[in-house]
Every structure is written in C-alpha cells, then in structure tokens.
Amino acid sequence: MKPLHRFMRAIGFSEYTDRNKLKELLKKVILTADQRAYTINDEDIMLGEFSKGFAENMGITVCGEFDEEDKFTYEYYYPYLRGRGITSLEDVSVERHASRESYAGVCDDIKVGISLIFYLQNRIPYVKAHFCGELPIRGTSLTLSGLSTQGSILLPIEKDEEQKQRIKQDSANRTNLIAAARKGDEDAIEMLTMEDMDMYSTISKKIQKEDVFSIVDTYFMPYGVECDHYSVLGEIMEYSKVRNNITGEEIFLLKICCNELTFDVAINIIDMLGEPRVGRRFKGTIWLQGFINFPDYTE
C-alpha cells in the first residue's frame, strides 16, 4: 500500500495517515463506487477506474487493470474535485506519464500567457478515443479545478467602475496582441515587448512604497518542480462550505477568477487562513486537475 496522497487532506481526509485505514477506504471506493469506467488500451490491457464521492463534487478515484481472469489489480489512486462550468475552449493536448497509465493535459490559453499543465481526470474516455483512432476530437472544452493544502484570504483591490472597464479593455487588447504575435505579427510582438517594459518600470517604482498585493490583482504561476502545481491569486466569485461524509471535516469550495480563467478550488478549513467572501481574493498553491468535455461524454 502506497503512502497517503498529499492532497487527500484537501477533500477532508487529513487524519488518514494509517495505511490499514487507507486500505479499507480504497476498498470501500472499489466496492461501492458511484461511477465505474472501463476500456482497453493499446497493449490489450483492460483498464478500470472506480470513483466515489465523499463531499459535494469531490471524492477518490482508484485506478488499475484487470487480468485475464477479470481480477482487478490496484495501481494507484488520487483525490479529485469535479469542476463546474467551462474554463477554456482552447485546444488541449494529452501525454501519458512515464511511470504509470495516467495522463497530463496541456492547454495553451491566451488569457494566462503560459501553457497550463493539469492532471487529467477522465482518462478512460481519452484512452478509448485513442484506441479507436478517433483523435483528435473537435469541439471539446476544458473544465479545470484545483486542490489546495495551503491558502489565505486577501482583501480586494478597490476599483471604481471606470477602472474596471479600463482593465477589461486592456486585457482584451492584450489578448488580441498575443494571438497576433503567435501568428508571427512583428508589430504585435514589438508592442507586447514595449508594454512589458512599461509595466516593469511602473511596478518597480510602485513596489518601493506599496505592498505587492495592492499592485498585483491576480496571477497564475508555476509552483515548485511538479509541472501541474501552481501558485494562484484570484477573486472569489462564489463560495460554500461542505462536509466530508466519512470524517466530518469541513472543506471550503471556492469558485475563483484568476487571469480571466474561472475554476473551482477545494481546501480543508484547517488549511485556510482567513474567511472567504465574494469579492475577496484567494491566494494559495493548488494541484491543477482537468476534465476534458468530449462531445460524446459531456455531462
């Protein structure tokens, strides 16, 4: 039995450190799963996936494979948070992890400015489409979500309506410039370079007298050495408190807007510093997960 997944505490299993206790929990997931999925991969191996929810939109997935006698062999598990809504309509590419039959997705969303790498939640539909030669599938969308074990609440930056409209317009203009620069437009590349230089100069002056979080409204940055971990700062659009039905631990479920991307984040109440409110900002580190909404599998 492998050690406890670090992000299990994010969905309310902070005290599940005993391996026997964890083994019983995973057995319960397999035997009483809410969702089951199966498919055959390129090596003619039957893959199985068992998911069970323990709080609103969050739970545990156990993955493995079946042998010739239809006996299921556990390979790995992970906690999940099923996101709500659509985060991005950009194309997504998928790559298998080297060590096991799990997958990472990559989304180049212009609004963020970096390639978003996430842990793929619905690998079975992807493997099935790959095995049947149906890739690439057009018309997909992406729903992102994040599990956090460290977060805090910051007050919002006060802005009047005119400032909000100007920020929105500037963001739209920058998105258009980035799109043009990706196509090789030299004028757009030059304008982006000049904008970045002006921004650096402005921030360098302000940072001497102001706190960085009164200048930076939102950010989305890689965190640590694992490619699907990020440090985020985003505005809270919605929030609720849910309870793990096994442990009774309470979890904050937040919908945040970060660099114009909207996605859900779950964090154990014991790991949150501050009280969330709509309009306040969430600052924390997350493990980014993603669910590709294939046309045939959209819920």
Protein backbone atom coordinates (compact mmCIF):
# COMPACT_ATOMS: atom_id res chain seq x y z
CA MET A 1 0.00 0.00 0.00
CA LYS A 2 1.37 3.37 -1.03
CA PRO A 3 1.53 6.31 1.43
CA LEU A 4 -1.29 8.83 1.76
CA HIS A 5 -1.66 11.18 -1.20
CA ARG A 6 -0.67 14.67 -0.07
CA PHE A 7 -3.87 16.26 -1.35
CA MET A 8 -6.21 13.83 0.43
CA ARG A 9 -6.44 16.39 3.23
CA ALA A 10 -7.93 18.88 0.75
CA ILE A 11 -11.09 16.74 0.50
CA GLY A 12 -11.32 16.06 4.24
CA PHE A 13 -9.02 13.09 4.91
CA SER A 14 -6.31 14.91 6.89
CA GLU A 15 -6.22 12.21 9.60
CA TYR A 16 -5.99 9.21 7.28
CA THR A 17 -2.30 8.54 7.86
CA ASP A 18 -2.60 4.88 8.85
CA ARG A 19 -2.01 2.52 5.91
CA ASN A 20 -4.56 -0.05 7.05
CA LYS A 21 -7.16 2.69 7.39
CA LEU A 22 -6.33 3.91 3.90
CA LYS A 23 -6.54 0.36 2.53
CA GLU A 24 -10.05 -0.03 3.93
CA LEU A 25 -11.06 3.31 2.45
CA LEU A 26 -9.85 2.38 -1.04
CA LYS A 27 -11.58 -0.99 -0.75
CA LYS A 28 -14.80 0.87 0.06
CA VAL A 29 -14.32 3.06 -3.05
CA ILE A 30 -13.96 0.00 -5.30
CA LEU A 31 -16.87 -1.96 -3.82
CA THR A 32 -19.36 0.92 -3.52
CA ALA A 33 -18.23 3.17 -6.36
CA ASP A 34 -20.63 5.82 -7.65
CA GLN A 35 -19.03 5.66 -11.09
CA ARG A 36 -17.19 2.87 -12.90
CA ALA A 37 -15.37 3.10 -16.22
CA TYR A 38 -13.53 0.52 -18.32
CA THR A 39 -11.63 0.41 -21.59
CA ILE A 40 -8.84 -1.44 -23.42
CA ASN A 41 -5.54 0.29 -24.13
CA ASP A 42 -3.05 -0.19 -26.97
CA GLU A 43 -1.48 -3.17 -25.16
CA ASP A 44 -4.83 -5.01 -24.99
CA ILE A 45 -4.98 -4.50 -21.22
CA MET A 46 -8.38 -3.84 -19.66
CA LEU A 47 -8.17 -0.65 -17.58
CA GLY A 48 -10.58 0.02 -14.75
CA GLU A 49 -11.48 3.12 -12.80
CA PHE A 50 -13.70 3.39 -9.69
CA SER A 51 -14.81 6.76 -8.29
CA LYS A 52 -16.74 7.54 -5.13
CA GLY A 53 -17.80 10.93 -3.80
CA PHE A 54 -17.36 11.88 -0.15
CA ALA A 55 -18.48 15.53 -0.37
CA GLU A 56 -20.06 17.78 -2.98
CA ASN A 57 -18.21 17.28 -6.30
CA MET A 58 -15.19 15.70 -4.62
CA GLY A 59 -14.02 12.20 -3.81
CA ILE A 60 -11.47 9.49 -4.61
CA THR A 61 -10.71 7.61 -7.82
CA VAL A 62 -8.96 4.21 -7.74
CA CYS A 63 -7.25 3.11 -10.96
CA GLY A 64 -5.86 -0.23 -12.05
CA GLU A 65 -6.23 -3.04 -14.56
CA PHE A 66 -7.90 -6.41 -14.96
CA ASP A 67 -6.01 -9.63 -15.68
CA GLU A 68 -7.15 -12.48 -17.91
CA GLU A 69 -9.30 -13.85 -15.09
CA ASP A 70 -11.04 -10.47 -14.66
CA LYS A 71 -9.32 -9.87 -11.35
CA PHE A 72 -8.77 -6.18 -10.63
CA THR A 73 -5.26 -5.11 -9.61
CA TYR A 74 -4.97 -1.73 -7.89
CA GLU A 75 -2.27 0.53 -9.35
CA TYR A 76 -2.83 3.99 -7.87
CA TYR A 77 -5.47 6.37 -6.53
CA TYR A 78 -5.97 10.12 -6.35
CA PRO A 79 -8.40 12.61 -4.74
CA TYR A 80 -10.44 14.68 -7.17
CA LEU A 81 -12.59 17.78 -7.38
CA ARG A 82 -15.05 17.87 -10.27
CA GLY A 83 -15.13 21.41 -11.55
CA ARG A 84 -18.29 23.23 -12.61
CA GLY A 85 -18.78 25.14 -15.84
CA ILE A 86 -16.35 25.65 -18.71
CA THR A 87 -12.88 27.06 -18.02
CA SER A 88 -11.42 27.12 -21.54
CA LEU A 89 -12.40 26.40 -25.13
CA GLU A 90 -8.79 26.22 -26.35
CA ASP A 91 -7.36 23.02 -27.83
CA VAL A 92 -5.87 20.53 -25.38
CA SER A 93 -3.08 18.02 -25.96
CA VAL A 94 -2.58 14.96 -23.75
CA GLU A 95 0.54 12.98 -22.84
CA ARG A 96 0.90 9.83 -20.76
CA HIS A 97 3.04 9.93 -17.61
CA ALA A 98 6.16 7.80 -17.91
CA SER A 99 5.72 5.72 -14.77
CA ARG A 100 2.06 4.65 -14.99
CA GLU A 101 -1.15 4.72 -17.00
CA SER A 102 -2.13 8.26 -16.03
CA TYR A 103 -2.14 11.37 -18.18
CA ALA A 104 -1.27 15.06 -18.19
CA GLY A 105 -3.10 17.61 -20.31
CA VAL A 106 -1.67 20.81 -21.76
CA CYS A 107 -3.79 23.83 -22.63
CA ASP A 108 -2.33 26.96 -24.23
CA ASP A 109 -4.91 29.52 -23.17
CA ILE A 110 -4.00 33.01 -24.37
CA LYS A 111 -5.54 34.67 -21.30
CA VAL A 112 -2.97 33.11 -18.95
CA GLY A 113 0.14 33.56 -21.07
CA ILE A 114 1.65 30.19 -20.11
CA SER A 115 0.94 26.57 -21.01
CA LEU A 116 -1.39 25.14 -18.38
CA ILE A 117 -0.42 21.58 -17.43
CA PHE A 118 -3.03 19.63 -15.49
CA TYR A 119 -3.73 16.12 -14.23
CA LEU A 120 -6.34 14.51 -16.48
CA GLN A 121 -9.35 13.25 -14.52
CA ASN A 122 -11.27 11.44 -17.28
CA ARG A 123 -8.53 9.29 -18.75
CA ILE A 124 -10.88 6.43 -19.76
CA PRO A 125 -12.74 8.39 -22.49
CA TYR A 126 -9.39 9.66 -23.78
CA VAL A 127 -7.81 6.17 -23.88
CA LYS A 128 -10.97 4.81 -25.52
CA ALA A 129 -10.87 7.52 -28.21
CA HIS A 130 -7.15 6.91 -28.75
CA PHE A 131 -7.64 3.16 -29.06
CA CYS A 132 -10.48 3.64 -31.58
CA GLY A 133 -8.43 6.12 -33.63
CA GLU A 134 -10.89 8.97 -33.05
CA LEU A 135 -8.30 11.56 -32.00
CA PRO A 136 -8.16 14.49 -32.37
CA ILE A 137 -11.75 15.12 -31.33
CA ARG A 138 -13.08 18.53 -32.34
CA GLY A 139 -15.45 20.63 -30.27
CA THR A 140 -14.06 19.80 -26.85
CA SER A 141 -13.94 22.15 -23.89
CA LEU A 142 -11.98 22.05 -20.64
CA THR A 143 -13.12 22.26 -17.03
CA LEU A 144 -10.29 22.91 -14.58
CA SER A 145 -10.27 22.52 -10.80
CA GLY A 146 -7.70 22.67 -8.04
CA LEU A 147 -6.98 21.02 -4.71
CA SER A 148 -5.12 23.13 -2.17
CA THR A 149 -3.37 22.39 1.11
CA GLN A 150 -2.26 25.96 1.77
CA GLY A 151 -4.27 29.13 1.25
CA SER A 152 -5.14 32.53 2.64
CA ILE A 153 -7.72 35.23 2.04
CA LEU A 154 -6.71 38.73 0.93
CA LEU A 155 -8.85 41.84 0.73
CA PRO A 156 -9.77 43.06 -2.75
CA ILE A 157 -8.15 45.99 -4.52
CA GLU A 158 -10.66 48.83 -4.57
CA LYS A 159 -11.63 49.83 -8.12
CA ASP A 160 -14.35 52.13 -9.44
CA GLU A 161 -16.46 51.27 -12.47
CA GLU A 162 -14.26 53.26 -14.85
CA GLN A 163 -11.14 51.42 -13.69
CA LYS A 164 -12.89 48.05 -14.09
CA GLN A 165 -13.88 48.87 -17.66
CA ARG A 166 -10.36 50.09 -18.49
CA ILE A 167 -8.80 46.92 -17.07
CA LYS A 168 -11.26 44.80 -19.05
CA GLN A 169 -10.46 46.67 -22.27
CA ASP A 170 -6.69 46.49 -21.68
CA SER A 171 -6.98 42.75 -21.09
CA ALA A 172 -8.95 42.26 -24.32
CA ASN A 173 -6.38 44.29 -26.26
CA ARG A 174 -3.51 42.28 -24.81
CA THR A 175 -5.26 39.00 -25.65
CA ASN A 176 -5.63 40.14 -29.26
CA LEU A 177 -1.96 41.15 -29.39
CA ILE A 178 -0.82 37.77 -28.03
CA ALA A 179 -2.99 35.98 -30.59
CA ALA A 180 -1.45 38.07 -33.38
CA ALA A 181 2.08 37.55 -32.00
CA ARG A 182 1.56 33.78 -32.06
CA LYS A 183 0.86 34.07 -35.78
CA GLY A 184 4.15 35.90 -36.33
CA ASP A 185 2.93 39.52 -36.39
CA GLU A 186 6.11 41.52 -35.72
CA ASP A 187 4.23 44.71 -34.81
CA ALA A 188 2.26 42.82 -32.17
CA ILE A 189 5.46 41.29 -30.76
CA GLU A 190 7.05 44.74 -30.56
CA MET A 191 4.00 46.25 -28.85
CA LEU A 192 3.90 43.43 -26.30
CA THR A 193 7.59 43.92 -25.57
CA MET A 194 7.08 47.67 -25.04
CA GLU A 195 4.06 47.01 -22.78
CA ASP A 196 6.08 44.59 -20.65
CA MET A 197 8.91 47.10 -20.31
CA ASP A 198 6.49 49.86 -19.29
CA MET A 199 4.79 47.54 -16.81
CA TYR A 200 8.13 46.53 -15.29
CA SER A 201 9.13 50.18 -14.92
CA THR A 202 5.81 51.12 -13.29
CA ILE A 203 5.84 48.21 -10.85
CA SER A 204 9.50 48.84 -9.93
CA LYS A 205 8.55 52.37 -8.84
CA LYS A 206 5.37 51.41 -7.00
CA ILE A 207 6.88 48.44 -5.17
CA GLN A 208 9.13 50.76 -3.18
CA LYS A 209 6.13 52.34 -1.45
CA GLU A 210 3.29 49.84 -1.82
CA ASP A 211 2.64 46.21 -0.91
CA VAL A 212 2.96 43.84 -3.88
CA PHE A 213 -0.58 42.50 -3.40
CA SER A 214 -2.03 46.01 -3.67
CA ILE A 215 -0.42 46.24 -7.12
CA VAL A 216 -0.89 42.69 -8.43
CA ASP A 217 -4.59 41.89 -8.58
CA THR A 218 -4.33 38.30 -9.84
CA TYR A 219 -1.69 35.82 -11.02
CA PHE A 220 -1.25 32.22 -12.16
CA MET A 221 2.33 30.91 -11.82
CA PRO A 222 4.07 27.52 -11.81
CA TYR A 223 4.99 26.39 -8.29
CA GLY A 224 7.79 24.03 -7.29
CA VAL A 225 9.21 21.31 -9.51
CA GLU A 226 5.98 19.43 -10.31
CA CYS A 227 4.55 20.70 -13.58
CA ASP A 228 0.87 20.61 -12.55
CA HIS A 229 1.32 22.60 -9.32
CA TYR A 230 0.63 26.34 -9.37
CA SER A 231 0.61 29.38 -7.14
CA VAL A 232 -2.56 31.38 -7.77
CA LEU A 233 -4.17 34.62 -6.70
CA GLY A 234 -7.75 35.12 -7.84
CA GLU A 235 -11.03 36.81 -6.95
CA ILE A 236 -13.65 34.72 -5.17
CA MET A 237 -16.83 34.60 -7.27
CA GLU A 238 -18.73 32.06 -5.15
CA TYR A 239 -18.00 30.05 -2.01
CA SER A 240 -19.61 27.40 0.14
CA LYS A 241 -18.71 25.09 2.99
CA VAL A 242 -19.16 21.34 2.51
CA ARG A 243 -18.59 18.38 4.82
CA ASN A 244 -16.82 15.06 4.22
CA ASN A 245 -19.46 12.41 4.95
CA ILE A 246 -16.88 9.98 6.39
CA THR A 247 -14.62 12.16 8.55
CA GLY A 248 -16.95 15.12 9.16
CA GLU A 249 -14.15 17.55 8.24
CA GLU A 250 -15.29 20.82 6.66
CA ILE A 251 -13.99 22.00 3.30
CA PHE A 252 -14.23 25.37 1.58
CA LEU A 253 -15.37 25.09 -2.03
CA LEU A 254 -14.42 28.27 -3.87
CA LYS A 255 -15.06 29.44 -7.40
CA ILE A 256 -12.28 31.87 -8.29
CA CYS A 257 -11.47 34.03 -11.31
CA CYS A 258 -7.75 34.07 -11.96
CA ASN A 259 -6.28 35.76 -15.06
CA GLU A 260 -9.80 35.61 -16.55
CA LEU A 261 -9.98 31.84 -16.04
CA THR A 262 -12.80 30.65 -13.78
CA PHE A 263 -12.42 27.37 -11.89
CA ASP A 264 -13.21 25.67 -8.56
CA VAL A 265 -10.78 25.16 -5.70
CA ALA A 266 -11.25 22.92 -2.64
CA ILE A 267 -9.30 23.48 0.57
CA ASN A 268 -9.69 21.99 4.04
CA ILE A 269 -10.92 24.59 6.50
CA ILE A 270 -7.93 23.88 8.75
CA ASP A 271 -5.55 24.88 5.94
CA MET A 272 -7.23 28.22 5.20
CA LEU A 273 -6.09 31.46 6.81
CA GLY A 274 -8.90 33.99 6.80
CA GLU A 275 -12.61 33.96 5.98
CA PRO A 276 -13.69 33.75 2.32
CA ARG A 277 -16.23 36.22 0.98
CA VAL A 278 -17.37 37.09 -2.53
CA GLY A 279 -15.05 39.81 -3.86
CA ARG A 280 -12.15 38.90 -1.60
CA ARG A 281 -9.13 37.14 -3.09
CA PHE A 282 -7.81 33.62 -2.57
CA LYS A 283 -4.04 33.20 -2.52
CA GLY A 284 -2.64 29.69 -2.38
CA THR A 285 -0.93 26.76 -4.04
CA ILE A 286 -3.00 24.23 -5.97
CA TRP A 287 -2.71 20.88 -7.70
CA LEU A 288 -4.39 21.56 -11.04
CA GLN A 289 -6.78 18.93 -12.41
CA GLY A 290 -8.76 18.97 -15.63
CA PHE A 291 -11.78 17.26 -17.17
CA ILE A 292 -11.95 17.31 -20.97
CA ASN A 293 -15.56 17.60 -22.07
CA PHE A 294 -15.63 15.34 -25.10
CA PRO A 295 -18.81 15.81 -27.20
CA ASP A 296 -19.91 12.21 -26.55
CA TYR A 297 -19.19 12.37 -22.82
CA THR A 298 -20.32 15.85 -21.81
CA GLU A 299 -22.40 15.61 -18.67
